C-alpha atoms as a PDB file:
ATOM      1  CA  MET A   1     102.233 115.958 103.208  1.00  0.00           C
ATOM      2  CA  ILE A   2     102.292 114.332 106.656  1.00  0.00           C
ATOM      3  CA  GLN A   3      98.977 112.888 107.726  1.00  0.00           C
ATOM      4  CA  GLY A   4      97.623 113.451 111.245  1.00  0.00           C
ATOM      5  CA  SER A   5      97.910 116.143 113.854  1.00  0.00           C
ATOM      6  CA  GLY A   6     101.149 115.172 115.595  1.00  0.00           C
ATOM      7  CA  ARG A   7      99.386 112.304 117.371  1.00  0.00           C
ATOM      8  CA  CYS A   8     100.127 108.640 116.676  1.00  0.00           C
ATOM      9  CA  HIS A   9      97.963 107.215 113.907  1.00  0.00           C
ATOM     10  CA  TYR A  10      97.561 103.911 115.790  1.00  0.00           C
ATOM     11  CA  HIS A  11      97.408 105.392 119.324  1.00  0.00           C
ATOM     12  CA  PRO A  12      95.666 108.801 119.126  1.00  0.00           C
ATOM     13  CA  GLU A  13      96.207 109.382 122.862  1.00  0.00           C
ATOM     14  CA  ARG A  14     100.010 109.375 122.387  1.00  0.00           C
ATOM     15  CA  ALA A  15     102.238 112.052 120.906  1.00  0.00           C
ATOM     16  CA  GLY A  16     103.888 111.242 117.607  1.00  0.00           C
ATOM     17  CA  LEU A  17     107.622 110.616 117.602  1.00  0.00           C
ATOM     18  CA  GLY A  18     108.312 110.132 113.909  1.00  0.00           C
ATOM     19  CA  VAL A  19     106.841 109.528 110.497  1.00  0.00           C
ATOM     20  CA  CYS A  20     106.701 106.217 108.637  1.00  0.00           C
ATOM     21  CA  VAL A  21     108.593 106.647 105.371  1.00  0.00           C
ATOM     22  CA  GLU A  22     106.244 104.283 103.528  1.00  0.00           C
ATOM     23  CA  CYS A  23     102.737 105.517 104.438  1.00  0.00           C
ATOM     24  CA  ARG A  24     103.745 108.944 105.872  1.00  0.00           C
ATOM     25  CA  ARG A  25     101.673 108.404 109.033  1.00  0.00           C
ATOM     26  CA  VAL A  26     102.738 109.922 112.336  1.00  0.00           C
ATOM     27  CA  ILE A  27     103.740 107.153 114.762  1.00  0.00           C
ATOM     28  CA  CYS A  28     104.626 107.017 118.450  1.00  0.00           C
ATOM     29  CA  ARG A  29     107.707 105.486 120.090  1.00  0.00           C
ATOM     30  CA  GLU A  30     106.069 102.051 120.437  1.00  0.00           C
ATOM     31  CA  CYS A  31     104.953 101.974 116.803  1.00  0.00           C
ATOM     32  CA  THR A  32     108.304 103.058 115.358  1.00  0.00           C
ATOM     33  CA  THR A  33     110.478 100.230 114.074  1.00  0.00           C
ATOM     34  CA  GLN A  34     113.755 100.968 112.393  1.00  0.00           C
ATOM     35  CA  PHE A  35     114.508  98.560 109.543  1.00  0.00           C
ATOM     36  CA  GLU A  36     117.276  99.117 107.000  1.00  0.00           C
ATOM     37  CA  GLY A  37     117.997 102.371 108.872  1.00  0.00           C
ATOM     38  CA  ILE A  38     114.532 103.755 108.127  1.00  0.00           C
ATOM     39  CA  ASN A  39     111.509 104.288 110.401  1.00  0.00           C
ATOM     40  CA  ARG A  40     108.457 102.234 109.442  1.00  0.00           C
ATOM     41  CA  CYS A  41     105.164 101.466 111.153  1.00  0.00           C
ATOM     42  CA  ALA A  42     104.241  97.830 111.918  1.00  0.00           C
ATOM     43  CA  SER A  43     101.907  97.580 108.917  1.00  0.00           C
ATOM     44  CA  CYS A  44     104.484  98.832 106.410  1.00  0.00           C
ATOM     45  CA  LEU A  45     107.235  96.754 108.042  1.00  0.00           C
ATOM     46  CA  SER A  46     105.223  93.533 107.643  1.00  0.00           C
ATOM     47  CA  THR A  47     104.561  94.402 103.994  1.00  0.00           C
ATOM     48  CA  ARG A  48     108.292  95.037 103.453  1.00  0.00           C
ATOM     49  CA  LEU A  49     109.294  91.760 105.147  1.00  0.00           C
ATOM     50  CA  LYS A  50     106.812  89.761 103.061  1.00  0.00           C
ATOM     51  CA  ALA A  51     108.281  91.283  99.916  1.00  0.00           C
ATOM     52  CA  LEU A  52     111.788  90.284 101.026  1.00  0.00           C
ATOM     53  CA  GLU A  53     110.751  86.679 101.723  1.00  0.00           C
ATOM     54  CA  GLY A  54     110.194  86.027  98.043  1.00  0.00           C
ATOM     55  CA  PRO A  55     107.684  83.706  96.449  1.00  0.00           C
ATOM     56  CA  GLY A  56     105.793  81.169  98.492  1.00  0.00           C
ATOM     57  CA  GLU A  57     106.552  77.484  98.715  1.00  0.00           C
ATOM     58  CA  ARG A  58     106.255  75.580  95.446  1.00  0.00           C
ATOM     59  CA  ARG A  59     104.475  72.298  95.011  1.00  0.00           C
ATOM     60  CA  GLU A  60     106.870  70.313  92.862  1.00  0.00           C
ATOM     61  CA  TRP A  61     104.726  67.514  91.406  1.00  0.00           C
ATOM     62  CA  THR A  62     101.380  68.815  90.236  1.00  0.00           C
ATOM     63  CA  VAL A  63      99.333  66.990  87.595  1.00  0.00           C
ATOM     64  CA  GLY A  64     100.592  69.442  84.985  1.00  0.00           C
ATOM     65  CA  ASN A  65     104.224  68.814  85.936  1.00  0.00           C
ATOM     66  CA  VAL A  66     103.782  65.037  85.739  1.00  0.00           C
ATOM     67  CA  LEU A  67     102.062  65.301  82.360  1.00  0.00           C
ATOM     68  CA  LEU A  68     104.820  67.562  81.059  1.00  0.00           C
ATOM     69  CA  ALA A  69     107.492  65.115  82.279  1.00  0.00           C
ATOM     70  CA  VAL A  70     105.752  62.149  80.594  1.00  0.00           C
ATOM     71  CA  VAL A  71     105.371  64.046  77.308  1.00  0.00           C
ATOM     72  CA  GLY A  72     109.008  65.146  77.489  1.00  0.00           C
ATOM     73  CA  MET A  73     110.218  61.588  78.078  1.00  0.00           C
ATOM     74  CA  GLY A  74     108.068  60.416  75.158  1.00  0.00           C
ATOM     75  CA  ILE A  75     109.610  62.992  72.849  1.00  0.00           C
ATOM     76  CA  VAL A  76     113.127  61.984  73.917  1.00  0.00           C
ATOM     77  CA  TRP A  77     112.276  58.276  73.445  1.00  0.00           C
ATOM     78  CA  VAL A  78     110.850  58.874  69.943  1.00  0.00           C
ATOM     79  CA  GLY A  79     113.930  60.934  69.082  1.00  0.00           C
ATOM     80  CA  MET A  80     116.238  58.145  70.219  1.00  0.00           C
ATOM     81  CA  LEU A  81     114.283  55.575  68.186  1.00  0.00           C
ATOM     82  CA  ALA A  82     114.424  57.792  65.093  1.00  0.00           C
ATOM     83  CA  LEU A  83     118.166  58.304  65.560  1.00  0.00           C
ATOM     84  CA  ALA A  84     118.739  54.556  65.994  1.00  0.00           C
ATOM     85  CA  ALA A  85     116.708  53.838  62.840  1.00  0.00           C
ATOM     86  CA  ALA A  86     118.667  56.432  60.867  1.00  0.00           C
ATOM     87  CA  VAL A  87     122.013  55.005  61.972  1.00  0.00           C
ATOM     88  CA  SER A  88     121.193  51.377  61.125  1.00  0.00           C
END
């Protein structure tokens, strides 16, 4: 069901032009943004664009990452020593 009375949800003094496909709110000409061929309001459009951006920036070297790298190098080093001892 379409919400509203034919007036823009964001600008009640203006007549509605279309309906946002995400939230189903009536929106006026200024609030209508066509993205991917579909009408969306500004709020739903920003939500859609954030979802398309993907995950946020990663911090590469946290304390956990450094600790994991040191433990991993230790395991490789012990493995190499064990292999060298087995060969000789």
